[in-house]
Amino acid sequence: MSRRRTDNSCALQRGAGTDHTLIKHSRKEISLEGFKDEYVEKLAELVQAKVEGKELVSPPPADEPKVINLMDALKKSLAKAKQSGDKPTRHRAVPTSRKTASPGRIVKRVNRVAERI
């Protein structure tokens, strides 16, 4: 690989080289005979139906997904919580691991214990 550059031209050159290498080393010939173009087939059917004078009927439009306004949902949730008198609970984050004591912290702790003795 070539040296790293700050612009994207180096990355593009590496990507293009990889593509050429993959194509060059593939042993299998690519045959498009096993694939059908369904779009072209359906379009040809529609054109043939139109030529024959048949009336074309389009499918009904798909239902659009319901969009939720998050701010309104939050306001409703807060209003509902106020009405029921529930206070929001606060949870402390559980530490995943304890901090390792630095040598300075250990010395301070030892000094505090020594003062008590």
Protein backbone atom coordinates (compact mmCIF):
# COMPACT_ATOMS: atom_id res chain seq x y z
CA MET A 1 0.00 0.00 0.00
CA SER A 2 1.07 3.54 -0.54
CA ARG A 3 1.80 6.05 2.20
CA ARG A 4 -1.13 7.57 4.03
CA ARG A 5 -2.31 10.96 2.85
CA THR A 6 -4.67 13.44 4.42
CA ASP A 7 -6.87 13.71 1.32
CA ASN A 8 -9.22 10.97 0.08
CA SER A 9 -7.39 10.25 -3.18
CA CYS A 10 -5.21 7.62 -1.52
CA ALA A 11 -8.24 5.80 -0.09
CA LEU A 12 -9.95 5.91 -3.47
CA GLN A 13 -6.88 4.47 -5.16
CA ARG A 14 -6.68 1.63 -2.61
CA GLY A 15 -10.39 0.87 -3.01
CA ALA A 16 -10.15 0.77 -6.79
CA GLY A 17 -7.13 -1.51 -6.59
CA THR A 18 -9.00 -3.92 -4.35
CA ASP A 19 -11.89 -4.06 -6.81
CA HIS A 20 -9.58 -4.83 -9.70
CA THR A 21 -7.79 -7.50 -7.67
CA LEU A 22 -11.04 -9.22 -6.74
CA ILE A 23 -12.26 -9.22 -10.32
CA LYS A 24 -8.92 -10.37 -11.65
CA HIS A 25 -8.66 -13.29 -9.23
CA SER A 26 -12.24 -14.50 -9.47
CA ARG A 27 -12.28 -17.86 -11.21
CA LYS A 28 -15.98 -18.01 -11.93
CA GLU A 29 -17.41 -16.40 -15.04
CA ILE A 30 -20.31 -14.11 -14.34
CA SER A 31 -23.47 -15.09 -16.19
CA LEU A 32 -26.51 -12.83 -16.19
CA GLU A 33 -28.77 -15.50 -17.70
CA GLY A 34 -30.02 -16.62 -14.29
CA PHE A 35 -31.35 -13.15 -13.47
CA LYS A 36 -34.67 -11.68 -14.64
CA ASP A 37 -35.48 -8.04 -14.96
CA GLU A 38 -38.96 -8.04 -13.44
CA TYR A 39 -39.35 -4.30 -13.89
CA VAL A 40 -38.92 -4.54 -17.65
CA GLU A 41 -41.30 -7.53 -17.82
CA LYS A 42 -44.05 -5.72 -15.89
CA LEU A 43 -43.51 -2.57 -17.92
CA ALA A 44 -43.84 -4.57 -21.15
CA GLU A 45 -47.09 -6.09 -19.84
CA LEU A 46 -48.45 -2.62 -19.06
CA VAL A 47 -47.49 -1.30 -22.49
CA GLN A 48 -49.10 -4.33 -24.18
CA ALA A 49 -52.30 -3.85 -22.15
CA LYS A 50 -52.39 -0.17 -23.12
CA VAL A 51 -51.90 -1.07 -26.80
CA GLU A 52 -54.81 -3.53 -26.57
CA GLY A 53 -56.99 -0.74 -25.18
CA LYS A 54 -57.36 -2.08 -21.66
CA GLU A 55 -57.83 0.39 -18.83
CA LEU A 56 -54.86 0.48 -16.49
CA VAL A 57 -55.63 0.51 -12.78
CA SER A 58 -52.95 1.71 -10.39
CA PRO A 59 -52.66 0.06 -6.97
CA PRO A 60 -53.96 2.02 -3.99
CA PRO A 61 -51.33 4.18 -2.28
CA ALA A 62 -49.57 2.57 0.65
CA ASP A 63 -50.50 3.79 4.12
CA GLU A 64 -47.98 6.23 5.43
CA PRO A 65 -46.45 5.33 8.79
CA LYS A 66 -47.74 7.23 11.78
CA VAL A 67 -45.25 9.92 12.77
CA ILE A 68 -44.99 10.65 16.47
CA ASN A 69 -43.97 14.07 17.71
CA LEU A 70 -41.56 13.21 20.53
CA MET A 71 -41.92 16.56 22.25
CA ASP A 72 -45.72 16.21 22.46
CA ALA A 73 -45.36 12.64 23.74
CA LEU A 74 -42.95 13.83 26.45
CA LYS A 75 -45.29 16.63 27.52
CA LYS A 76 -48.24 14.21 27.73
CA SER A 77 -46.17 11.78 29.77
CA LEU A 78 -45.08 14.50 32.20
CA ALA A 79 -48.65 15.81 32.55
CA LYS A 80 -49.91 12.29 33.25
CA ALA A 81 -47.21 11.79 35.90
CA LYS A 82 -48.16 15.10 37.60
CA GLN A 83 -51.84 14.16 37.68
CA SER A 84 -51.20 10.79 39.27
CA GLY A 85 -48.85 12.34 41.86
CA ASP A 86 -45.99 10.01 41.00
CA LYS A 87 -42.54 11.42 41.41
CA PRO A 88 -39.99 10.39 38.82
CA THR A 89 -37.52 7.97 40.29
CA ARG A 90 -33.83 8.58 40.04
CA HIS A 91 -31.54 5.66 39.62
CA ARG A 92 -27.86 5.82 40.35
CA ALA A 93 -25.69 4.41 37.69
CA VAL A 94 -24.07 1.21 38.81
CA PRO A 95 -20.33 1.40 38.23
CA THR A 96 -19.10 -1.32 35.94
CA SER A 97 -15.66 -1.44 37.53
CA ARG A 98 -14.00 0.16 40.50
CA LYS A 99 -11.32 2.75 40.05
CA THR A 100 -7.83 1.57 40.75
CA ALA A 101 -6.24 3.43 43.57
CA SER A 102 -3.32 5.58 42.57
CA PRO A 103 -0.20 5.53 44.75
CA GLY A 104 -1.04 9.04 45.96
CA ARG A 105 -4.51 7.95 47.14
CA ILE A 106 -3.04 4.97 48.93
CA VAL A 107 -0.51 7.16 50.79
CA LYS A 108 -3.28 9.59 51.84
CA ARG A 109 -5.45 6.76 53.12
CA VAL A 110 -2.54 5.21 55.06
CA ASN A 111 -1.76 8.63 56.62
CA ARG A 112 -5.41 9.08 57.68
CA VAL A 113 -5.46 5.65 59.30
CA ALA A 114 -2.11 6.34 61.02
CA GLU A 115 -3.46 9.61 62.46
CA ARG A 116 -6.34 7.74 64.11
CA ILE A 117 -3.99 5.32 65.85
